[in-house]
């Protein structure tokens, strides 16, 4: 069993995986945490591959940009990505999104 430091939340977000500023691949983020996500994509990157990740948020004109992310695992269950470096403005947007997901979860569970 995997023990995680950060809660993961189910989401459905489109994303773009960028490798070395040249290769762009579409993906679908299906779960998200403060420090990582799981992406479904047609590519099969290798463990340790460095990527830039664009998280496309519905209703927002600019994606959340994860400057430096690394592939932790890849297989039939998707691509596990860890966020290594996030610029402060994008980190703030990601934090707000995570807070919104926490609030939705609490409302759904009747805890607020």
Protein backbone atom coordinates (compact mmCIF):
# COMPACT_ATOMS: atom_id res chain seq x y z
CA UNK A 1 0.00 0.00 0.00
CA UNK A 2 1.27 3.46 -0.93
CA UNK A 3 1.35 6.07 1.84
CA UNK A 4 1.04 9.61 0.55
CA UNK A 5 1.94 12.90 2.21
CA UNK A 6 -0.77 14.81 0.35
CA UNK A 7 -4.41 13.92 -0.26
CA UNK A 8 -5.32 13.13 -3.85
CA UNK A 9 -8.59 14.37 -5.28
CA UNK A 10 -10.44 12.97 -8.28
CA UNK A 11 -10.58 15.53 -11.09
CA UNK A 12 -11.10 15.65 -14.81
CA UNK A 13 -8.76 18.24 -16.32
CA UNK A 14 -7.11 18.45 -19.67
CA UNK A 15 -3.37 18.90 -19.61
CA UNK A 16 -0.36 19.26 -21.86
CA UNK A 17 2.86 17.39 -21.15
CA UNK A 18 5.89 19.20 -22.57
CA UNK A 19 9.29 17.53 -22.86
CA UNK A 20 12.38 19.66 -23.54
CA UNK A 21 10.23 22.52 -24.87
CA UNK A 22 9.73 20.56 -28.09
CA UNK A 23 7.39 17.64 -27.67
CA UNK A 24 3.82 18.37 -26.59
CA UNK A 25 1.37 15.64 -25.69
CA UNK A 26 -2.24 15.95 -24.58
CA UNK A 27 -3.28 14.27 -21.39
CA UNK A 28 -6.19 13.99 -19.00
CA UNK A 29 -5.52 14.52 -15.30
CA UNK A 30 -7.68 12.15 -13.26
CA UNK A 31 -6.37 12.84 -9.78
CA UNK A 32 -4.52 15.78 -8.29
CA UNK A 33 -2.68 16.62 -5.08
CA UNK A 34 -0.60 19.56 -3.92
CA UNK A 35 2.57 17.82 -5.13
CA UNK A 36 1.53 15.56 -7.98
CA UNK A 37 -1.06 14.02 -10.23
CA UNK A 38 -1.98 11.02 -12.33
CA UNK A 39 -2.35 11.63 -16.06
CA UNK A 40 -3.81 9.47 -18.79
CA UNK A 41 -2.00 9.96 -22.09
CA UNK A 42 -1.09 8.00 -25.19
CA UNK A 43 2.62 8.44 -24.45
CA UNK A 44 4.64 6.10 -22.25
CA UNK A 45 7.37 8.24 -20.69
CA UNK A 46 10.23 6.69 -18.76
CA UNK A 47 10.59 6.97 -14.99
CA UNK A 48 12.66 10.05 -14.17
CA UNK A 49 11.74 11.93 -17.35
CA UNK A 50 11.58 15.69 -16.70
CA UNK A 51 8.48 17.48 -17.98
CA UNK A 52 6.69 20.78 -17.88
CA UNK A 53 3.01 20.30 -17.17
CA UNK A 54 0.18 22.64 -18.15
CA UNK A 55 -3.04 22.10 -16.18
CA UNK A 56 -5.95 23.55 -18.14
CA UNK A 57 -8.57 24.79 -15.69
CA UNK A 58 -12.12 25.17 -17.05
CA UNK A 59 -13.14 28.83 -17.25
CA UNK A 60 -9.57 30.14 -16.93
CA UNK A 61 -7.67 31.56 -19.87
CA UNK A 62 -4.20 30.54 -18.68
CA UNK A 63 -3.17 27.07 -17.51
CA UNK A 64 -1.46 26.40 -14.21
CA UNK A 65 2.15 25.86 -15.19
CA UNK A 66 4.25 23.29 -13.37
CA UNK A 67 7.77 24.36 -14.36
CA UNK A 68 9.53 21.18 -13.42
CA UNK A 69 7.84 17.84 -12.93
CA UNK A 70 9.19 14.32 -13.03
CA UNK A 71 7.65 11.01 -14.00
CA UNK A 72 7.62 8.73 -10.94
CA UNK A 73 5.89 5.80 -12.64
CA UNK A 74 4.23 4.97 -15.93
CA UNK A 75 2.08 2.06 -16.98
CA UNK A 76 -1.43 0.89 -17.76
CA UNK A 77 -2.76 2.88 -14.77
CA UNK A 78 -1.48 6.16 -16.28
CA UNK A 79 1.49 8.38 -15.56
CA UNK A 80 2.38 9.35 -11.98
CA UNK A 81 3.89 12.83 -11.94
CA UNK A 82 5.55 14.64 -9.04
CA UNK A 83 5.68 18.44 -9.04
CA UNK A 84 9.23 19.59 -8.28
CA UNK A 85 9.18 23.32 -9.07
CA UNK A 86 6.16 25.60 -9.36
CA UNK A 87 6.47 29.37 -9.77
CA UNK A 88 4.85 31.26 -6.86
CA UNK A 89 1.93 32.67 -8.89
CA UNK A 90 1.09 29.23 -10.27
CA UNK A 91 1.60 27.63 -6.84
CA UNK A 92 -0.97 30.06 -5.43
CA UNK A 93 -3.47 29.06 -8.13
CA UNK A 94 -2.80 25.38 -7.49
CA UNK A 95 -3.23 25.89 -3.72
CA UNK A 96 -6.57 27.67 -4.30
CA UNK A 97 -7.72 24.84 -6.52
CA UNK A 98 -6.76 22.24 -3.89
CA UNK A 99 -8.59 24.26 -1.21
CA UNK A 100 -11.68 24.29 -3.42
CA UNK A 101 -11.45 20.51 -3.83
CA UNK A 102 -11.15 20.09 -0.04
CA UNK A 103 -14.20 22.30 0.50
CA UNK A 104 -16.23 20.33 -2.05
CA UNK A 105 -15.24 17.08 -0.38
CA UNK A 106 -16.25 18.45 3.01
CA UNK A 107 -19.60 19.66 1.69
CA UNK A 108 -20.22 16.32 0.03
CA UNK A 109 -19.45 14.53 3.30
CA UNK A 110 -21.58 17.03 5.27
CA UNK A 111 -18.63 18.12 7.37
CA UNK A 112 -18.74 21.88 6.94
